[in-house]
Amino acid sequence: MYYCQDCKKNFEFVEIIFERHGLDSPPYERIKRCPFCHSESFKELTSTHCKYCGSKLSKEGDYCSDTCKERGEKMWERQRNLAELKKRSLLELTLKELDSYNKTHGTKLSYGQYIMLKEKKNGQK
């Protein structure tokens, strides 16, 4: 678990980007940042409770038992897969495109308005 010192949100996974610095091939600089505000000012929180069942931990670690660890790792893997699918969904990509368009053009178009504008530009009715 991580805590962002700028936006004050907790999150499980950091966003990783690669800064190319104008290079055509690796090595690229690997930058970890908050997935909400893109700040690099965050810290990792230490666990006091099991990441799977929530019981108080008596020793250092993330899980209270091997069973919880196995189940927890499967659960987090499913969460990562779902997050990856969401990133690649057509709706999510279109919403990112809309957000970028609104920022670039200083507009506040809704999803529907943006789709209509795209269709009009592409010659569709």
N, C-alpha and C. Protein backbone atom coordinates (compact mmCIF):
# COMPACT_ATOMS: atom_id res chain seq x y z
N MET A 1 0.85 -1.17 0.00
CA MET A 1 0.00 0.00 0.00
C MET A 1 0.90 1.23 0.00
N TYR A 2 0.47 2.22 -0.75
CA TYR A 2 1.22 3.47 -0.84
C TYR A 2 0.32 4.64 -0.43
N TYR A 3 0.94 5.73 -0.03
CA TYR A 3 0.22 6.95 0.36
C TYR A 3 0.86 8.13 -0.36
N CYS A 4 0.04 8.87 -1.12
CA CYS A 4 0.54 10.04 -1.85
C CYS A 4 0.50 11.25 -0.92
N GLN A 5 1.62 11.92 -0.82
CA GLN A 5 1.72 13.08 0.07
C GLN A 5 1.12 14.33 -0.57
N ASP A 6 0.87 14.31 -1.87
CA ASP A 6 0.27 15.47 -2.54
C ASP A 6 -1.26 15.41 -2.56
N CYS A 7 -1.83 14.31 -3.09
CA CYS A 7 -3.30 14.22 -3.18
C CYS A 7 -3.92 13.50 -1.99
N LYS A 8 -3.07 12.96 -1.10
CA LYS A 8 -3.53 12.31 0.15
C LYS A 8 -4.35 11.05 -0.08
N LYS A 9 -4.14 10.35 -1.19
CA LYS A 9 -4.88 9.12 -1.47
C LYS A 9 -3.98 7.91 -1.24
N ASN A 10 -4.62 6.79 -0.87
CA ASN A 10 -3.93 5.51 -0.75
C ASN A 10 -4.13 4.73 -2.05
N PHE A 11 -3.15 3.93 -2.44
CA PHE A 11 -3.28 3.11 -3.64
C PHE A 11 -2.38 1.89 -3.51
N GLU A 12 -2.77 0.82 -4.21
CA GLU A 12 -2.05 -0.45 -4.15
C GLU A 12 -0.85 -0.50 -5.09
N PHE A 13 -1.01 0.07 -6.28
CA PHE A 13 0.03 -0.06 -7.30
C PHE A 13 0.47 1.31 -7.79
N VAL A 14 1.77 1.50 -7.90
CA VAL A 14 2.29 2.75 -8.44
C VAL A 14 2.18 2.70 -9.97
N GLU A 15 2.09 3.85 -10.58
CA GLU A 15 2.10 3.96 -12.03
C GLU A 15 3.56 4.06 -12.45
N ILE A 16 3.96 3.27 -13.42
CA ILE A 16 5.35 3.29 -13.88
C ILE A 16 5.38 3.82 -15.31
N ILE A 17 6.18 4.85 -15.53
CA ILE A 17 6.36 5.39 -16.87
C ILE A 17 7.85 5.36 -17.20
N PHE A 18 8.16 5.43 -18.46
CA PHE A 18 9.55 5.43 -18.89
C PHE A 18 9.85 6.74 -19.61
N GLU A 19 10.78 7.49 -19.09
CA GLU A 19 11.20 8.75 -19.70
C GLU A 19 12.33 8.43 -20.67
N ARG A 20 12.14 8.75 -21.93
CA ARG A 20 13.11 8.40 -22.97
C ARG A 20 14.27 9.39 -23.09
N HIS A 21 14.06 10.62 -22.69
CA HIS A 21 15.09 11.67 -22.80
C HIS A 21 15.64 11.76 -24.21
N GLY A 22 14.76 11.56 -25.21
CA GLY A 22 15.17 11.69 -26.61
C GLY A 22 15.90 10.47 -27.18
N LEU A 23 16.04 9.41 -26.40
CA LEU A 23 16.74 8.21 -26.88
C LEU A 23 15.80 7.36 -27.72
N ASP A 24 16.36 6.67 -28.72
CA ASP A 24 15.56 5.78 -29.56
C ASP A 24 15.48 4.37 -29.00
N SER A 25 16.43 4.02 -28.13
CA SER A 25 16.45 2.67 -27.56
C SER A 25 16.85 2.75 -26.08
N PRO A 26 16.54 1.69 -25.31
CA PRO A 26 16.87 1.69 -23.88
C PRO A 26 18.36 1.86 -23.65
N PRO A 27 18.78 2.27 -22.51
CA PRO A 27 18.03 2.30 -21.25
C PRO A 27 17.25 3.59 -21.09
N TYR A 28 15.99 3.45 -20.68
CA TYR A 28 15.14 4.59 -20.38
C TYR A 28 15.05 4.76 -18.87
N GLU A 29 14.78 5.98 -18.44
CA GLU A 29 14.61 6.23 -17.02
C GLU A 29 13.24 5.73 -16.58
N ARG A 30 13.21 4.92 -15.54
CA ARG A 30 11.96 4.37 -15.01
C ARG A 30 11.49 5.26 -13.87
N ILE A 31 10.27 5.80 -14.00
CA ILE A 31 9.74 6.73 -13.00
C ILE A 31 8.48 6.14 -12.39
N LYS A 32 8.43 6.08 -11.06
CA LYS A 32 7.25 5.62 -10.34
C LYS A 32 6.49 6.83 -9.85
N ARG A 33 5.14 6.79 -10.02
CA ARG A 33 4.35 7.94 -9.59
C ARG A 33 2.95 7.51 -9.16
N CYS A 34 2.27 8.44 -8.50
CA CYS A 34 0.90 8.22 -8.03
C CYS A 34 -0.03 8.07 -9.23
N PRO A 35 -0.91 7.05 -9.25
CA PRO A 35 -1.82 6.88 -10.38
C PRO A 35 -2.93 7.93 -10.43
N PHE A 36 -3.13 8.69 -9.36
CA PHE A 36 -4.19 9.69 -9.32
C PHE A 36 -3.71 11.07 -9.78
N CYS A 37 -2.63 11.57 -9.14
CA CYS A 37 -2.19 12.94 -9.44
C CYS A 37 -0.84 12.96 -10.16
N HIS A 38 -0.24 11.80 -10.38
CA HIS A 38 1.04 11.64 -11.09
C HIS A 38 2.22 12.24 -10.34
N SER A 39 2.08 12.43 -9.03
CA SER A 39 3.17 12.95 -8.21
C SER A 39 4.18 11.83 -7.92
N GLU A 40 5.42 12.21 -7.77
CA GLU A 40 6.44 11.24 -7.38
C GLU A 40 6.68 11.29 -5.87
N SER A 41 5.86 12.05 -5.17
CA SER A 41 6.00 12.25 -3.74
C SER A 41 5.02 11.33 -3.00
N PHE A 42 5.40 10.07 -2.82
CA PHE A 42 4.58 9.11 -2.10
C PHE A 42 5.49 8.20 -1.28
N LYS A 43 4.87 7.49 -0.33
CA LYS A 43 5.66 6.58 0.50
C LYS A 43 4.92 5.26 0.63
N GLU A 44 5.68 4.20 0.86
CA GLU A 44 5.10 2.89 1.04
C GLU A 44 4.70 2.73 2.50
N LEU A 45 3.48 2.26 2.72
CA LEU A 45 2.99 2.06 4.08
C LEU A 45 3.29 0.63 4.52
N THR A 46 3.62 0.46 5.79
CA THR A 46 3.85 -0.88 6.32
C THR A 46 2.53 -1.49 6.75
N SER A 47 2.40 -2.78 6.59
CA SER A 47 1.16 -3.46 6.90
C SER A 47 1.03 -3.75 8.39
N THR A 48 -0.14 -3.50 8.94
CA THR A 48 -0.44 -3.87 10.33
C THR A 48 -1.51 -4.94 10.37
N HIS A 49 -2.19 -5.15 9.22
CA HIS A 49 -3.24 -6.16 9.13
C HIS A 49 -3.01 -7.01 7.87
N CYS A 50 -3.47 -8.25 7.92
CA CYS A 50 -3.34 -9.18 6.80
C CYS A 50 -4.01 -8.59 5.57
N LYS A 51 -3.32 -8.64 4.43
CA LYS A 51 -3.85 -8.07 3.19
C LYS A 51 -4.99 -8.90 2.61
N TYR A 52 -5.21 -10.10 3.14
CA TYR A 52 -6.30 -10.92 2.63
C TYR A 52 -7.50 -10.95 3.58
N CYS A 53 -7.27 -11.37 4.83
CA CYS A 53 -8.41 -11.55 5.75
C CYS A 53 -8.62 -10.37 6.69
N GLY A 54 -7.62 -9.51 6.84
CA GLY A 54 -7.77 -8.32 7.67
C GLY A 54 -7.44 -8.49 9.13
N SER A 55 -7.01 -9.68 9.55
CA SER A 55 -6.68 -9.86 10.97
C SER A 55 -5.36 -9.16 11.30
N LYS A 56 -5.22 -8.76 12.57
CA LYS A 56 -4.03 -8.04 13.02
C LYS A 56 -2.81 -8.95 12.91
N LEU A 57 -1.72 -8.41 12.38
CA LEU A 57 -0.49 -9.19 12.21
C LEU A 57 0.32 -9.19 13.49
N SER A 58 0.85 -10.36 13.82
CA SER A 58 1.69 -10.46 15.01
C SER A 58 3.17 -10.38 14.67
N LYS A 59 3.47 -10.54 13.39
CA LYS A 59 4.87 -10.45 12.95
C LYS A 59 4.96 -9.60 11.70
N GLU A 60 6.18 -9.32 11.27
CA GLU A 60 6.44 -8.52 10.07
C GLU A 60 5.95 -9.28 8.84
N GLY A 61 5.34 -8.59 7.91
CA GLY A 61 4.88 -9.22 6.68
C GLY A 61 3.55 -8.65 6.24
N ASP A 62 3.01 -9.23 5.18
CA ASP A 62 1.74 -8.76 4.63
C ASP A 62 0.58 -9.70 4.93
N TYR A 63 0.86 -10.96 5.26
CA TYR A 63 -0.18 -11.96 5.46
C TYR A 63 0.01 -12.67 6.80
N CYS A 64 -1.11 -13.16 7.37
CA CYS A 64 -1.05 -13.83 8.67
C CYS A 64 -0.71 -15.31 8.56
N SER A 65 -0.91 -15.90 7.38
CA SER A 65 -0.60 -17.33 7.20
C SER A 65 -0.26 -17.60 5.74
N ASP A 66 0.26 -18.80 5.50
CA ASP A 66 0.57 -19.20 4.13
C ASP A 66 -0.69 -19.32 3.27
N THR A 67 -1.79 -19.75 3.89
CA THR A 67 -3.07 -19.87 3.18
C THR A 67 -3.55 -18.49 2.72
N CYS A 68 -3.50 -17.51 3.64
CA CYS A 68 -3.90 -16.15 3.28
C CYS A 68 -2.99 -15.57 2.21
N LYS A 69 -1.71 -15.88 2.30
CA LYS A 69 -0.77 -15.38 1.31
C LYS A 69 -1.10 -15.91 -0.08
N GLU A 70 -1.36 -17.23 -0.15
CA GLU A 70 -1.70 -17.85 -1.44
C GLU A 70 -3.00 -17.27 -2.01
N ARG A 71 -4.03 -17.18 -1.17
CA ARG A 71 -5.31 -16.64 -1.62
C ARG A 71 -5.19 -15.15 -1.96
N GLY A 72 -4.45 -14.42 -1.15
CA GLY A 72 -4.27 -12.99 -1.38
C GLY A 72 -3.55 -12.71 -2.68
N GLU A 73 -2.50 -13.47 -2.96
CA GLU A 73 -1.74 -13.26 -4.20
C GLU A 73 -2.61 -13.55 -5.42
N LYS A 74 -3.47 -14.59 -5.32
CA LYS A 74 -4.39 -14.88 -6.43
C LYS A 74 -5.38 -13.74 -6.61
N MET A 75 -5.89 -13.23 -5.48
CA MET A 75 -6.86 -12.13 -5.54
C MET A 75 -6.23 -10.89 -6.16
N TRP A 76 -5.01 -10.52 -5.73
CA TRP A 76 -4.36 -9.33 -6.26
C TRP A 76 -4.01 -9.50 -7.74
N GLU A 77 -3.68 -10.73 -8.14
CA GLU A 77 -3.41 -10.99 -9.55
C GLU A 77 -4.67 -10.76 -10.39
N ARG A 78 -5.82 -11.21 -9.89
CA ARG A 78 -7.08 -10.96 -10.59
C ARG A 78 -7.35 -9.46 -10.68
N GLN A 79 -7.07 -8.73 -9.60
CA GLN A 79 -7.28 -7.28 -9.60
C GLN A 79 -6.39 -6.59 -10.64
N ARG A 80 -5.13 -7.02 -10.72
CA ARG A 80 -4.22 -6.45 -11.71
C ARG A 80 -4.71 -6.74 -13.13
N ASN A 81 -5.19 -7.96 -13.37
CA ASN A 81 -5.70 -8.32 -14.69
C ASN A 81 -6.92 -7.49 -15.06
N LEU A 82 -7.82 -7.28 -14.10
CA LEU A 82 -9.00 -6.45 -14.36
C LEU A 82 -8.61 -5.01 -14.64
N ALA A 83 -7.64 -4.49 -13.89
CA ALA A 83 -7.17 -3.12 -14.12
C ALA A 83 -6.55 -2.99 -15.51
N GLU A 84 -5.83 -4.02 -15.93
CA GLU A 84 -5.20 -3.99 -17.25
C GLU A 84 -6.26 -4.04 -18.35
N LEU A 85 -7.30 -4.86 -18.17
CA LEU A 85 -8.39 -4.92 -19.15
C LEU A 85 -9.10 -3.58 -19.23
N LYS A 86 -9.31 -2.95 -18.08
CA LYS A 86 -9.99 -1.65 -18.06
C LYS A 86 -9.19 -0.61 -18.82
N LYS A 87 -7.86 -0.63 -18.65
CA LYS A 87 -7.01 0.34 -19.36
C LYS A 87 -7.15 0.22 -20.86
N ARG A 88 -7.39 -1.01 -21.34
CA ARG A 88 -7.44 -1.25 -22.78
C ARG A 88 -8.85 -1.21 -23.35
N SER A 89 -9.86 -0.98 -22.52
CA SER A 89 -11.24 -0.97 -23.02
C SER A 89 -11.47 0.24 -23.91
N LEU A 90 -12.34 0.08 -24.88
CA LEU A 90 -12.64 1.15 -25.82
C LEU A 90 -13.21 2.37 -25.11
N LEU A 91 -14.06 2.13 -24.12
CA LEU A 91 -14.65 3.24 -23.37
C LEU A 91 -13.56 4.02 -22.63
N GLU A 92 -12.67 3.32 -21.95
CA GLU A 92 -11.60 3.98 -21.20
C GLU A 92 -10.69 4.78 -22.13
N LEU A 93 -10.34 4.19 -23.28
CA LEU A 93 -9.49 4.89 -24.25
C LEU A 93 -10.19 6.14 -24.79
N THR A 94 -11.48 6.04 -25.06
CA THR A 94 -12.24 7.18 -25.56
C THR A 94 -12.33 8.28 -24.52
N LEU A 95 -12.53 7.90 -23.24
CA LEU A 95 -12.59 8.90 -22.17
C LEU A 95 -11.26 9.63 -22.01
N LYS A 96 -10.15 8.90 -22.15
CA LYS A 96 -8.84 9.55 -22.09
C LYS A 96 -8.66 10.50 -23.27
N GLU A 97 -9.10 10.06 -24.43
CA GLU A 97 -9.03 10.90 -25.64
C GLU A 97 -9.87 12.17 -25.45
N LEU A 98 -11.07 12.01 -24.88
CA LEU A 98 -11.95 13.15 -24.61
C LEU A 98 -11.30 14.12 -23.63
N ASP A 99 -10.73 13.60 -22.56
CA ASP A 99 -10.06 14.44 -21.57
C ASP A 99 -8.93 15.23 -22.21
N SER A 100 -8.14 14.56 -23.04
CA SER A 100 -7.04 15.23 -23.73
C SER A 100 -7.56 16.31 -24.67
N TYR A 101 -8.64 16.01 -25.41
CA TYR A 101 -9.23 16.99 -26.33
C TYR A 101 -9.72 18.21 -25.57
N ASN A 102 -10.42 17.99 -24.46
CA ASN A 102 -10.94 19.11 -23.67
C ASN A 102 -9.81 19.98 -23.12
N LYS A 103 -8.73 19.36 -22.67
CA LYS A 103 -7.59 20.14 -22.16
C LYS A 103 -6.92 20.93 -23.27
N THR A 104 -6.73 20.30 -24.41
CA THR A 104 -6.06 20.95 -25.54
C THR A 104 -6.85 22.12 -26.09
N HIS A 105 -8.17 21.94 -26.21
CA HIS A 105 -9.01 22.95 -26.84
C HIS A 105 -9.75 23.86 -25.85
N GLY A 106 -9.54 23.65 -24.56
CA GLY A 106 -10.19 24.47 -23.55
C GLY A 106 -11.70 24.33 -23.55
N THR A 107 -12.18 23.14 -23.86
CA THR A 107 -13.62 22.89 -23.91
C THR A 107 -14.05 22.02 -22.73
N LYS A 108 -15.35 21.84 -22.61
CA LYS A 108 -15.92 20.97 -21.57
C LYS A 108 -16.95 20.05 -22.21
N LEU A 109 -16.57 19.40 -23.30
CA LEU A 109 -17.50 18.53 -24.00
C LEU A 109 -17.82 17.29 -23.17
N SER A 110 -19.06 16.83 -23.26
CA SER A 110 -19.45 15.58 -22.64
C SER A 110 -19.03 14.44 -23.57
N TYR A 111 -19.18 13.23 -23.08
CA TYR A 111 -18.85 12.06 -23.90
C TYR A 111 -19.67 12.05 -25.19
N GLY A 112 -20.98 12.25 -25.06
CA GLY A 112 -21.85 12.25 -26.23
C GLY A 112 -21.52 13.35 -27.22
N GLN A 113 -21.25 14.55 -26.70
CA GLN A 113 -20.89 15.67 -27.58
C GLN A 113 -19.60 15.37 -28.34
N TYR A 114 -18.64 14.76 -27.64
CA TYR A 114 -17.36 14.44 -28.27
C TYR A 114 -17.54 13.40 -29.38
N ILE A 115 -18.34 12.38 -29.11
CA ILE A 115 -18.57 11.34 -30.12
C ILE A 115 -19.24 11.94 -31.36
N MET A 116 -20.22 12.82 -31.14
CA MET A 116 -20.89 13.47 -32.27
C MET A 116 -19.91 14.34 -33.07
N LEU A 117 -19.04 15.04 -32.37
CA LEU A 117 -18.03 15.87 -33.04
C LEU A 117 -17.10 15.00 -33.88
N LYS A 118 -16.67 13.87 -33.33
CA LYS A 118 -15.79 12.96 -34.07
C LYS A 118 -16.48 12.43 -35.32
N GLU A 119 -17.75 12.05 -35.18
CA GLU A 119 -18.49 11.52 -36.33
C GLU A 119 -18.66 12.59 -37.41
N LYS A 120 -18.91 13.82 -36.97
CA LYS A 120 -19.07 14.92 -37.92
C LYS A 120 -17.76 15.17 -38.67
N LYS A 121 -16.64 15.12 -37.96
CA LYS A 121 -15.33 15.33 -38.61
C LYS A 121 -14.99 14.20 -39.57
N ASN A 122 -15.45 13.00 -39.26
CA ASN A 122 -15.17 11.84 -40.12
C ASN A 122 -16.16 11.71 -41.27
N GLY A 123 -17.10 12.65 -41.39
CA GLY A 123 -18.05 12.65 -42.49
C GLY A 123 -19.24 11.74 -42.29
N GLN A 124 -19.42 11.22 -41.08
CA GLN A 124 -20.56 10.37 -40.78
C GLN A 124 -21.73 11.22 -40.34
N LYS A 125 -22.93 10.69 -40.44
CA LYS A 125 -24.11 11.42 -40.00
C LYS A 125 -24.78 10.69 -38.88
